[in-house]
PDB file of N, CA and C in Angstrom:
ATOM      1  N   UNK A   1     -22.542  78.022 -96.146  1.00  0.00           N
ATOM      2  CA  UNK A   1     -23.495  78.790 -98.016  1.00  0.00           C
ATOM      3  C   UNK A   1     -24.600  78.865 -97.815  1.00  0.00           C
ATOM      4  N   UNK A   2     -24.972  79.445 -98.613  1.00  0.00           N
ATOM      5  CA  UNK A   2     -26.867  79.754 -98.323  1.00  0.00           C
ATOM      6  C   UNK A   2     -27.415  79.305 -99.882  1.00  0.00           C
ATOM      7  N   UNK A   3     -28.530  79.521-100.262  1.00  0.00           N
ATOM      8  CA  UNK A   3     -29.804  78.703-100.937  1.00  0.00           C
ATOM      9  C   UNK A   3     -29.418  79.399-102.054  1.00  0.00           C
ATOM     10  N   UNK A   4     -29.144  80.803-102.242  1.00  0.00           N
ATOM     11  CA  UNK A   4     -28.513  81.402-103.125  1.00  0.00           C
ATOM     12  C   UNK A   4     -27.186  81.329-103.522  1.00  0.00           C
ATOM     13  N   UNK A   5     -26.538  81.126-103.555  1.00  0.00           N
ATOM     14  CA  UNK A   5     -25.583  80.846-103.330  1.00  0.00           C
ATOM     15  C   UNK A   5     -25.260  79.667-104.100  1.00  0.00           C
ATOM     16  N   UNK A   6     -25.460  78.339-103.859  1.00  0.00           N
ATOM     17  CA  UNK A   6     -25.711  77.052-103.892  1.00  0.00           C
ATOM     18  C   UNK A   6     -25.783  77.184-105.856  1.00  0.00           C
ATOM     19  N   UNK A   7     -27.220  78.238-105.536  1.00  0.00           N
ATOM     20  CA  UNK A   7     -28.304  78.194-107.500  1.00  0.00           C
ATOM     21  C   UNK A   7     -27.373  78.496-107.945  1.00  0.00           C
ATOM     22  N   UNK A   8     -26.529  79.997-107.808  1.00  0.00           N
ATOM     23  CA  UNK A   8     -25.800  80.801-108.252  1.00  0.00           C
ATOM     24  C   UNK A   8     -24.682  79.406-109.252  1.00  0.00           C
ATOM     25  N   UNK A   9     -24.196  78.693-107.814  1.00  0.00           N
ATOM     26  CA  UNK A   9     -22.984  77.422-108.099  1.00  0.00           C
ATOM     27  C   UNK A   9     -23.573  76.667-109.313  1.00  0.00           C
ATOM     28  N   UNK A  10     -24.424  75.739-108.454  1.00  0.00           N
ATOM     29  CA  UNK A  10     -25.568  74.913-109.670  1.00  0.00           C
ATOM     30  C   UNK A  10     -25.424  76.139-110.918  1.00  0.00           C
ATOM     31  N   UNK A  11     -26.035  77.080-111.469  1.00  0.00           N
ATOM     32  CA  UNK A  11     -26.427  77.350-112.631  1.00  0.00           C
ATOM     33  C   UNK A  11     -24.832  76.781-113.577  1.00  0.00           C
ATOM     34  N   UNK A  12     -23.789  78.076-112.959  1.00  0.00           N
ATOM     35  CA  UNK A  12     -21.775  77.951-113.190  1.00  0.00           C
ATOM     36  C   UNK A  12     -21.781  76.626-113.597  1.00  0.00           C
ATOM     37  N   UNK A  13     -21.986  75.155-112.811  1.00  0.00           N
ATOM     38  CA  UNK A  13     -21.272  74.263-113.321  1.00  0.00           C
ATOM     39  C   UNK A  13     -22.028  73.867-114.788  1.00  0.00           C
ATOM     40  N   UNK A  14     -23.631  74.212-114.290  1.00  0.00           N
ATOM     41  CA  UNK A  14     -24.024  73.728-115.474  1.00  0.00           C
ATOM     42  C   UNK A  14     -24.196  74.373-116.901  1.00  0.00           C
ATOM     43  N   UNK A  15     -23.790  75.491-116.920  1.00  0.00           N
ATOM     44  CA  UNK A  15     -23.497  76.146-117.828  1.00  0.00           C
ATOM     45  C   UNK A  15     -21.813  75.969-118.206  1.00  0.00           C
ATOM     46  N   UNK A  16     -21.176  74.808-117.868  1.00  0.00           N
ATOM     47  CA  UNK A  16     -19.783  75.346-118.344  1.00  0.00           C
ATOM     48  C   UNK A  16     -20.144  73.261-118.458  1.00  0.00           C
ATOM     49  N   UNK A  17     -20.632  72.713-118.465  1.00  0.00           N
ATOM     50  CA  UNK A  17     -21.350  71.233-119.383  1.00  0.00           C
ATOM     51  C   UNK A  17     -21.552  71.327-120.491  1.00  0.00           C
ATOM     52  N   UNK A  18     -22.711  72.733-120.422  1.00  0.00           N
ATOM     53  CA  UNK A  18     -23.690  72.484-121.663  1.00  0.00           C
ATOM     54  C   UNK A  18     -22.729  73.071-122.567  1.00  0.00           C
ATOM     55  N   UNK A  19     -21.734  73.388-122.302  1.00  0.00           N
ATOM     56  CA  UNK A  19     -20.636  73.473-123.260  1.00  0.00           C
ATOM     57  C   UNK A  19     -19.599  73.606-123.341  1.00  0.00           C
ATOM     58  N   UNK A  20     -19.327  71.651-122.674  1.00  0.00           N
ATOM     59  CA  UNK A  20     -18.910  71.271-123.420  1.00  0.00           C
ATOM     60  C   UNK A  20     -17.814  70.716-121.834  1.00  0.00           C
ATOM     61  N   UNK A  21     -17.729  71.666-120.971  1.00  0.00           N
ATOM     62  CA  UNK A  21     -16.880  71.297-120.570  1.00  0.00           C
ATOM     63  C   UNK A  21     -16.741  69.711-119.009  1.00  0.00           C
ATOM     64  N   UNK A  22     -15.714  69.360-118.930  1.00  0.00           N
ATOM     65  CA  UNK A  22     -15.644  68.129-117.345  1.00  0.00           C
ATOM     66  C   UNK A  22     -15.023  68.738-116.283  1.00  0.00           C
ATOM     67  N   UNK A  23     -15.997  69.334-115.295  1.00  0.00           N
ATOM     68  CA  UNK A  23     -15.360  69.193-113.997  1.00  0.00           C
ATOM     69  C   UNK A  23     -15.120  68.458-113.398  1.00  0.00           C
ATOM     70  N   UNK A  24     -13.560  68.683-113.642  1.00  0.00           N
ATOM     71  CA  UNK A  24     -13.228  67.977-112.323  1.00  0.00           C
ATOM     72  C   UNK A  24     -13.372  67.551-110.863  1.00  0.00           C
ATOM     73  N   UNK A  25     -13.540  68.794-110.120  1.00  0.00           N
ATOM     74  CA  UNK A  25     -13.513  69.213-109.096  1.00  0.00           C
ATOM     75  C   UNK A  25     -13.629  70.420-108.454  1.00  0.00           C
ATOM     76  N   UNK A  26     -14.392  70.708-107.506  1.00  0.00           N
ATOM     77  CA  UNK A  26     -14.858  72.113-107.264  1.00  0.00           C
ATOM     78  C   UNK A  26     -14.739  72.148-105.803  1.00  0.00           C
ATOM     79  N   UNK A  27     -13.761  73.447-104.885  1.00  0.00           N
ATOM     80  CA  UNK A  27     -13.354  73.905-103.977  1.00  0.00           C
ATOM     81  C   UNK A  27     -14.487  75.059-103.562  1.00  0.00           C
ATOM     82  N   UNK A  28     -14.662  75.108-102.071  1.00  0.00           N
ATOM     83  CA  UNK A  28     -15.427  75.810-102.050  1.00  0.00           C
ATOM     84  C   UNK A  28     -14.060  77.230-100.910  1.00  0.00           C
ATOM     85  N   UNK A  29     -14.172  78.289-101.128  1.00  0.00           N
ATOM     86  CA  UNK A  29     -12.780  79.171-100.798  1.00  0.00           C
ATOM     87  C   UNK A  29     -13.376  79.666 -99.345  1.00  0.00           C
ATOM     88  N   UNK A  30     -14.756  80.047 -99.266  1.00  0.00           N
ATOM     89  CA  UNK A  30     -15.367  80.916 -98.249  1.00  0.00           C
ATOM     90  C   UNK A  30     -15.323  82.207 -98.683  1.00  0.00           C
ATOM     91  N   UNK A  31     -16.709  82.566 -97.666  1.00  0.00           N
ATOM     92  CA  UNK A  31     -16.658  84.905 -98.278  1.00  0.00           C
ATOM     93  C   UNK A  31     -15.891  85.125 -97.839  1.00  0.00           C
ATOM     94  N   UNK A  32     -15.324  86.335 -98.618  1.00  0.00           N
ATOM     95  CA  UNK A  32     -14.179  87.134 -98.654  1.00  0.00           C
ATOM     96  C   UNK A  32     -14.927  88.251 -97.993  1.00  0.00           C
ATOM     97  N   UNK A  33     -13.792  89.167 -97.476  1.00  0.00           N
ATOM     98  CA  UNK A  33     -13.686  90.653 -97.810  1.00  0.00           C
ATOM     99  C   UNK A  33     -13.321  90.757 -99.652  1.00  0.00           C
ATOM    100  N   UNK A  34     -13.713  91.261-100.203  1.00  0.00           N
ATOM    101  CA  UNK A  34     -13.297  92.045-101.824  1.00  0.00           C
ATOM    102  C   UNK A  34     -12.262  92.623-101.411  1.00  0.00           C
ATOM    103  N   UNK A  35     -10.462  92.531-102.440  1.00  0.00           N
ATOM    104  CA  UNK A  35      -9.695  93.680-102.033  1.00  0.00           C
ATOM    105  C   UNK A  35      -9.963  94.699-102.722  1.00  0.00           C
ATOM    106  N   UNK A  36     -11.205  95.023-103.103  1.00  0.00           N
ATOM    107  CA  UNK A  36     -12.125  96.425-103.231  1.00  0.00           C
ATOM    108  C   UNK A  36     -13.295  96.712-103.703  1.00  0.00           C
ATOM    109  N   UNK A  37     -14.106  97.657-103.405  1.00  0.00           N
ATOM    110  CA  UNK A  37     -15.330  97.459-104.008  1.00  0.00           C
ATOM    111  C   UNK A  37     -15.615  97.537-105.267  1.00  0.00           C
ATOM    112  N   UNK A  38     -16.404  96.530-106.108  1.00  0.00           N
ATOM    113  CA  UNK A  38     -17.353  95.950-107.218  1.00  0.00           C
ATOM    114  C   UNK A  38     -18.322  96.352-107.563  1.00  0.00           C
ATOM    115  N   UNK A  39     -18.514  97.465-108.273  1.00  0.00           N
ATOM    116  CA  UNK A  39     -20.005  97.652-109.147  1.00  0.00           C
ATOM    117  C   UNK A  39     -20.439  96.498-109.904  1.00  0.00           C
ATOM    118  N   UNK A  40     -21.040  96.041-109.819  1.00  0.00           N
ATOM    119  CA  UNK A  40     -21.334  94.797-111.213  1.00  0.00           C
ATOM    120  C   UNK A  40     -22.955  94.389-111.064  1.00  0.00           C
ATOM    121  N   UNK A  41     -23.730  95.092-111.828  1.00  0.00           N
ATOM    122  CA  UNK A  41     -25.091  95.304-112.540  1.00  0.00           C
ATOM    123  C   UNK A  41     -26.021  96.210-111.386  1.00  0.00           C
ATOM    124  N   UNK A  42     -25.701  97.459-111.310  1.00  0.00           N
ATOM    125  CA  UNK A  42     -26.354  98.412-110.687  1.00  0.00           C
ATOM    126  C   UNK A  42     -25.713  97.498-109.116  1.00  0.00           C
ATOM    127  N   UNK A  43     -24.658  97.021-108.514  1.00  0.00           N
ATOM    128  CA  UNK A  43     -25.175  96.853-106.855  1.00  0.00           C
ATOM    129  C   UNK A  43     -23.099  96.881-106.219  1.00  0.00           C
ATOM    130  N   UNK A  44     -23.031  97.425-105.385  1.00  0.00           N
ATOM    131  CA  UNK A  44     -21.870  97.304-104.890  1.00  0.00           C
ATOM    132  C   UNK A  44     -21.292  96.343-103.828  1.00  0.00           C
ATOM    133  N   UNK A  45     -20.268  95.990-103.950  1.00  0.00           N
ATOM    134  CA  UNK A  45     -20.359  94.672-103.765  1.00  0.00           C
ATOM    135  C   UNK A  45     -19.160  94.675-102.557  1.00  0.00           C
ATOM    136  N   UNK A  46     -18.793  94.601-101.582  1.00  0.00           N
ATOM    137  CA  UNK A  46     -17.791  94.386-100.460  1.00  0.00           C
ATOM    138  C   UNK A  46     -16.998  93.620-100.148  1.00  0.00           C
ATOM    139  N   UNK A  47     -18.210  92.308 -99.745  1.00  0.00           N
ATOM    140  CA  UNK A  47     -17.846  90.857 -99.860  1.00  0.00           C
ATOM    141  C   UNK A  47     -18.461  89.605-100.611  1.00  0.00           C
ATOM    142  N   UNK A  48     -17.766  89.087-100.680  1.00  0.00           N
ATOM    143  CA  UNK A  48     -18.323  87.520-102.387  1.00  0.00           C
ATOM    144  C   UNK A  48     -17.122  86.633-102.004  1.00  0.00           C
ATOM    145  N   UNK A  49     -18.096  85.706-102.465  1.00  0.00           N
ATOM    146  CA  UNK A  49     -17.969  83.552-102.543  1.00  0.00           C
ATOM    147  C   UNK A  49     -17.012  83.497-102.900  1.00  0.00           C
ATOM    148  N   UNK A  50     -15.462  82.414-102.431  1.00  0.00           N
ATOM    149  CA  UNK A  50     -14.657  82.831-103.581  1.00  0.00           C
ATOM    150  C   UNK A  50     -15.187  80.991-103.777  1.00  0.00           C
ATOM    151  N   UNK A  51     -14.835  80.572-104.927  1.00  0.00           N
ATOM    152  CA  UNK A  51     -14.851  79.553-105.745  1.00  0.00           C
ATOM    153  C   UNK A  51     -13.694  79.413-106.469  1.00  0.00           C
ATOM    154  N   UNK A  52     -13.404  77.697-106.205  1.00  0.00           N
ATOM    155  CA  UNK A  52     -12.292  77.359-107.447  1.00  0.00           C
ATOM    156  C   UNK A  52     -13.040  75.993-108.046  1.00  0.00           C
ATOM    157  N   UNK A  53     -13.238  76.164-109.686  1.00  0.00           N
ATOM    158  CA  UNK A  53     -14.059  74.902-110.762  1.00  0.00           C
ATOM    159  C   UNK A  53     -12.713  74.422-111.578  1.00  0.00           C
ATOM    160  N   UNK A  54     -12.064  73.102-110.905  1.00  0.00           N
ATOM    161  CA  UNK A  54     -11.106  72.674-112.347  1.00  0.00           C
ATOM    162  C   UNK A  54     -12.058  71.849-112.833  1.00  0.00           C
ATOM    163  N   UNK A  55     -11.973  72.641-114.520  1.00  0.00           N
ATOM    164  CA  UNK A  55     -12.658  71.742-115.488  1.00  0.00           C
ATOM    165  C   UNK A  55     -12.107  72.117-116.684  1.00  0.00           C
ATOM    166  N   UNK A  56     -11.794  71.289-117.154  1.00  0.00           N
ATOM    167  CA  UNK A  56     -11.829  70.412-118.448  1.00  0.00           C
ATOM    168  C   UNK A  56     -12.345  71.012-119.334  1.00  0.00           C
ATOM    169  N   UNK A  57     -11.848  72.000-120.649  1.00  0.00           N
ATOM    170  CA  UNK A  57     -12.848  72.255-122.003  1.00  0.00           C
ATOM    171  C   UNK A  57     -11.713  72.725-123.177  1.00  0.00           C
ATOM    172  N   UNK A  58     -12.490  72.238-124.192  1.00  0.00           N
ATOM    173  CA  UNK A  58     -12.132  72.993-125.782  1.00  0.00           C
ATOM    174  C   UNK A  58     -11.527  74.755-125.432  1.00  0.00           C
ATOM    175  N   UNK A  59     -10.843  74.796-126.290  1.00  0.00           N
ATOM    176  CA  UNK A  59     -10.139  76.297-126.205  1.00  0.00           C
ATOM    177  C   UNK A  59     -11.611  77.015-126.291  1.00  0.00           C
ATOM    178  N   UNK A  60     -11.777  76.281-127.688  1.00  0.00           N
ATOM    179  CA  UNK A  60     -12.406  77.757-128.086  1.00  0.00           C
ATOM    180  C   UNK A  60     -14.007  77.644-127.629  1.00  0.00           C
ATOM    181  N   UNK A  61     -14.058  77.211-126.222  1.00  0.00           N
ATOM    182  CA  UNK A  61     -15.466  77.307-125.467  1.00  0.00           C
ATOM    183  C   UNK A  61     -15.446  78.016-124.466  1.00  0.00           C
ATOM    184  N   UNK A  62     -14.356  78.957-124.371  1.00  0.00           N
ATOM    185  CA  UNK A  62     -14.116  79.651-123.641  1.00  0.00           C
ATOM    186  C   UNK A  62     -14.267  80.918-122.922  1.00  0.00           C
ATOM    187  N   UNK A  63     -14.595  81.644-124.628  1.00  0.00           N
ATOM    188  CA  UNK A  63     -15.240  82.575-124.650  1.00  0.00           C
ATOM    189  C   UNK A  63     -16.432  83.250-124.329  1.00  0.00           C
ATOM    190  N   UNK A  64     -17.318  81.666-124.663  1.00  0.00           N
ATOM    191  CA  UNK A  64     -18.641  81.982-124.838  1.00  0.00           C
ATOM    192  C   UNK A  64     -19.437  81.299-122.922  1.00  0.00           C
ATOM    193  N   UNK A  65     -18.037  80.403-121.866  1.00  0.00           N
ATOM    194  CA  UNK A  65     -17.941  80.801-120.289  1.00  0.00           C
ATOM    195  C   UNK A  65     -18.246  81.644-120.258  1.00  0.00           C
ATOM    196  N   UNK A  66     -16.920  82.516-121.084  1.00  0.00           N
ATOM    197  CA  UNK A  66     -16.863  84.166-119.882  1.00  0.00           C
ATOM    198  C   UNK A  66     -17.987  84.748-120.710  1.00  0.00           C
ATOM    199  N   UNK A  67     -18.316  84.736-121.810  1.00  0.00           N
ATOM    200  CA  UNK A  67     -19.344  85.502-121.482  1.00  0.00           C
ATOM    201  C   UNK A  67     -21.351  85.534-120.421  1.00  0.00           C
ATOM    202  N   UNK A  68     -21.264  83.891-120.538  1.00  0.00           N
ATOM    203  CA  UNK A  68     -22.268  83.748-120.221  1.00  0.00           C
ATOM    204  C   UNK A  68     -22.203  83.563-118.088  1.00  0.00           C
ATOM    205  N   UNK A  69     -20.991  83.570-117.802  1.00  0.00           N
ATOM    206  CA  UNK A  69     -20.926  84.033-116.291  1.00  0.00           C
ATOM    207  C   UNK A  69     -21.010  85.495-116.328  1.00  0.00           C
ATOM    208  N   UNK A  70     -20.285  86.222-116.801  1.00  0.00           N
ATOM    209  CA  UNK A  70     -20.101  88.000-117.521  1.00  0.00           C
ATOM    210  C   UNK A  70     -21.827  88.068-116.865  1.00  0.00           C
ATOM    211  N   UNK A  71     -22.139  87.586-117.773  1.00  0.00           N
ATOM    212  CA  UNK A  71     -24.119  87.404-117.591  1.00  0.00           C
ATOM    213  C   UNK A  71     -24.707  87.259-116.404  1.00  0.00           C
ATOM    214  N   UNK A  72     -24.163  86.867-116.338  1.00  0.00           N
ATOM    215  CA  UNK A  72     -25.010  86.499-114.754  1.00  0.00           C
ATOM    216  C   UNK A  72     -24.927  87.157-113.325  1.00  0.00           C
ATOM    217  N   UNK A  73     -26.232  87.379-113.673  1.00  0.00           N
ATOM    218  CA  UNK A  73     -26.051  88.611-112.071  1.00  0.00           C
ATOM    219  C   UNK A  73     -25.495  88.285-110.711  1.00  0.00           C
ATOM    220  N   UNK A  74     -25.284  87.165-110.495  1.00  0.00           N
ATOM    221  CA  UNK A  74     -24.611  86.708-108.906  1.00  0.00           C
ATOM    222  C   UNK A  74     -22.782  86.468-108.920  1.00  0.00           C
ATOM    223  N   UNK A  75     -22.534  86.369-110.250  1.00  0.00           N
ATOM    224  CA  UNK A  75     -21.065  86.044-110.336  1.00  0.00           C
ATOM    225  C   UNK A  75     -20.563  87.468-110.172  1.00  0.00           C
ATOM    226  N   UNK A  76     -19.483  88.138-109.249  1.00  0.00           N
ATOM    227  CA  UNK A  76     -19.096  89.162-108.898  1.00  0.00           C
ATOM    228  C   UNK A  76     -18.199  89.274-110.277  1.00  0.00           C
ATOM    229  N   UNK A  77     -17.438  88.353-110.055  1.00  0.00           N
ATOM    230  CA  UNK A  77     -16.202  88.720-111.397  1.00  0.00           C
ATOM    231  C   UNK A  77     -15.609  86.842-111.296  1.00  0.00           C
ATOM    232  N   UNK A  78     -15.453  86.759-112.491  1.00  0.00           N
ATOM    233  CA  UNK A  78     -14.501  85.875-112.887  1.00  0.00           C
ATOM    234  C   UNK A  78     -13.516  85.003-113.809  1.00  0.00           C
ATOM    235  N   UNK A  79     -12.927  83.820-113.250  1.00  0.00           N
ATOM    236  CA  UNK A  79     -11.546  84.230-113.887  1.00  0.00           C
ATOM    237  C   UNK A  79     -11.301  82.321-114.512  1.00  0.00           C
ATOM    238  N   UNK A  80     -11.245  82.191-115.118  1.00  0.00           N
ATOM    239  CA  UNK A  80     -10.541  81.477-116.500  1.00  0.00           C
ATOM    240  C   UNK A  80      -8.978  81.721-116.780  1.00  0.00           C
ATOM    241  N   UNK A  81      -9.055  79.890-115.684  1.00  0.00           N
ATOM    242  CA  UNK A  81      -6.768  80.462-116.476  1.00  0.00           C
ATOM    243  C   UNK A  81      -6.915  79.121-116.940  1.00  0.00           C
ATOM    244  N   UNK A  82      -5.544  78.930-117.470  1.00  0.00           N
ATOM    245  CA  UNK A  82      -5.207  77.592-118.291  1.00  0.00           C
ATOM    246  C   UNK A  82      -4.223  77.069-117.873  1.00  0.00           C
ATOM    247  N   UNK A  83      -4.294  75.377-117.013  1.00  0.00           N
ATOM    248  CA  UNK A  83      -3.430  75.089-116.296  1.00  0.00           C
ATOM    249  C   UNK A  83      -2.907  74.194-117.247  1.00  0.00           C
ATOM    250  N   UNK A  84      -1.353  74.432-117.173  1.00  0.00           N
ATOM    251  CA  UNK A  84      -0.747  73.679-117.348  1.00  0.00           C
ATOM    252  C   UNK A  84      -1.157  72.275-117.477  1.00  0.00           C
ATOM    253  N   UNK A  85      -0.590  71.459-118.213  1.00  0.00           N
ATOM    254  CA  UNK A  85      -0.889  69.163-118.707  1.00  0.00           C
ATOM    255  C   UNK A  85       0.396  69.190-118.485  1.00  0.00           C
ATOM    256  N   UNK A  86       0.679  68.545-117.234  1.00  0.00           N
ATOM    257  CA  UNK A  86       1.896  67.665-117.201  1.00  0.00           C
ATOM    258  C   UNK A  86       1.806  66.108-117.922  1.00  0.00           C
ATOM    259  N   UNK A  87       2.827  66.191-119.439  1.00  0.00           N
ATOM    260  CA  UNK A  87       3.238  64.974-119.782  1.00  0.00           C
ATOM    261  C   UNK A  87       3.411  63.972-119.143  1.00  0.00           C
ATOM    262  N   UNK A  88       2.971  62.898-119.118  1.00  0.00           N
ATOM    263  CA  UNK A  88       3.629  62.067-118.308  1.00  0.00           C
ATOM    264  C   UNK A  88       3.374  60.285-118.864  1.00  0.00           C
ATOM    265  N   UNK A  89       4.354  60.120-118.907  1.00  0.00           N
ATOM    266  CA  UNK A  89       5.096  58.618-119.373  1.00  0.00           C
ATOM    267  C   UNK A  89       4.099  57.586-118.724  1.00  0.00           C
ATOM    268  N   UNK A  90       3.701  56.736-119.962  1.00  0.00           N
ATOM    269  CA  UNK A  90       3.219  55.238-119.454  1.00  0.00           C
ATOM    270  C   UNK A  90       3.796  54.510-119.030  1.00  0.00           C
ATOM    271  N   UNK A  91       4.079  54.196-117.638  1.00  0.00           N
ATOM    272  CA  UNK A  91       4.578  52.753-117.706  1.00  0.00           C
ATOM    273  C   UNK A  91       4.131  51.913-118.717  1.00  0.00           C
ATOM    274  N   UNK A  92       5.686  51.292-118.572  1.00  0.00           N
ATOM    275  CA  UNK A  92       5.728  50.183-119.205  1.00  0.00           C
ATOM    276  C   UNK A  92       5.141  48.959-118.835  1.00  0.00           C
ATOM    277  N   UNK A  93       5.566  48.423-117.728  1.00  0.00           N
ATOM    278  CA  UNK A  93       5.739  47.621-116.700  1.00  0.00           C
ATOM    279  C   UNK A  93       6.592  46.812-117.157  1.00  0.00           C
ATOM    280  N   UNK A  94       6.847  45.672-116.062  1.00  0.00           N
ATOM    281  CA  UNK A  94       8.838  45.374-115.945  1.00  0.00           C
ATOM    282  C   UNK A  94       8.507  44.201-117.260  1.00  0.00           C
ATOM    283  N   UNK A  95       9.589  44.663-117.713  1.00  0.00           N
ATOM    284  CA  UNK A  95      10.463  43.751-118.845  1.00  0.00           C
ATOM    285  C   UNK A  95      11.655  43.085-118.721  1.00  0.00           C
ATOM    286  N   UNK A  96      10.946  41.699-118.863  1.00  0.00           N
ATOM    287  CA  UNK A  96      11.220  40.246-118.737  1.00  0.00           C
ATOM    288  C   UNK A  96      12.850  40.847-119.615  1.00  0.00           C
ATOM    289  N   UNK A  97      13.842  40.366-118.749  1.00  0.00           N
ATOM    290  CA  UNK A  97      15.160  40.013-119.442  1.00  0.00           C
ATOM    291  C   UNK A  97      14.837  38.220-119.494  1.00  0.00           C
ATOM    292  N   UNK A  98      15.969  38.385-120.438  1.00  0.00           N
ATOM    293  CA  UNK A  98      16.148  36.868-120.503  1.00  0.00           C
ATOM    294  C   UNK A  98      17.315  36.745-119.928  1.00  0.00           C
ATOM    295  N   UNK A  99      17.597  34.853-119.905  1.00  0.00           N
ATOM    296  CA  UNK A  99      18.404  34.396-118.059  1.00  0.00           C
ATOM    297  C   UNK A  99      19.469  34.501-118.673  1.00  0.00           C
ATOM    298  N   UNK A 100      20.018  34.261-119.738  1.00  0.00           N
ATOM    299  CA  UNK A 100      21.479  35.332-120.663  1.00  0.00           C
ATOM    300  C   UNK A 100      22.304  36.835-120.245  1.00  0.00           C
ATOM    301  N   UNK A 101      21.066  37.411-120.371  1.00  0.00           N
ATOM    302  CA  UNK A 101      21.166  38.755-119.685  1.00  0.00           C
ATOM    303  C   UNK A 101      21.607  39.211-118.159  1.00  0.00           C
ATOM    304  N   UNK A 102      20.859  38.354-117.100  1.00  0.00           N
ATOM    305  CA  UNK A 102      20.612  38.199-116.016  1.00  0.00           C
ATOM    306  C   UNK A 102      22.172  37.458-115.853  1.00  0.00           C
ATOM    307  N   UNK A 103      22.608  36.530-116.517  1.00  0.00           N
ATOM    308  CA  UNK A 103      23.606  35.803-116.233  1.00  0.00           C
ATOM    309  C   UNK A 103      25.011  37.035-116.435  1.00  0.00           C
ATOM    310  N   UNK A 104      24.947  36.952-117.242  1.00  0.00           N
ATOM    311  CA  UNK A 104      25.942  38.059-117.434  1.00  0.00           C
ATOM    312  C   UNK A 104      26.140  39.608-117.075  1.00  0.00           C
ATOM    313  N   UNK A 105      25.382  40.264-116.686  1.00  0.00           N
ATOM    314  CA  UNK A 105      25.253  40.569-116.262  1.00  0.00           C
ATOM    315  C   UNK A 105      25.767  40.846-114.753  1.00  0.00           C
ATOM    316  N   UNK A 106      25.738  39.869-113.646  1.00  0.00           N
ATOM    317  CA  UNK A 106      26.197  39.685-112.684  1.00  0.00           C
ATOM    318  C   UNK A 106      27.913  38.548-112.825  1.00  0.00           C
ATOM    319  N   UNK A 107      28.248  38.599-114.021  1.00  0.00           N
ATOM    320  CA  UNK A 107      29.567  38.105-113.690  1.00  0.00           C
ATOM    321  C   UNK A 107      30.489  39.310-113.718  1.00  0.00           C
ATOM    322  N   UNK A 108      29.917  40.850-114.770  1.00  0.00           N
ATOM    323  CA  UNK A 108      30.807  41.569-115.325  1.00  0.00           C
ATOM    324  C   UNK A 108      31.076  41.860-114.005  1.00  0.00           C
TER     325      UNK A 108
END
């Protein structure tokens, strides 16, 4: 990853955090050929660096985030996906049983 790419990534992450996002993970998928040529800010792009940024943010900030990324001349294309949160029940720990309950269940 070159210094220009690192600076773009740093700007993008800072923009997320300024808008109330909590960045959970960042993954570099490397440079790849784009599926088709993309014209952005008067340049035609055939290759691009792919990154996944996992973040939590209020739904009201998504529009501001996408607007910021769309104006950044070094970001060719951005996509924000809603990640389904899986509800997990909290562990209640070990529930102690009375000695009577233990002996009654063993007799049966």
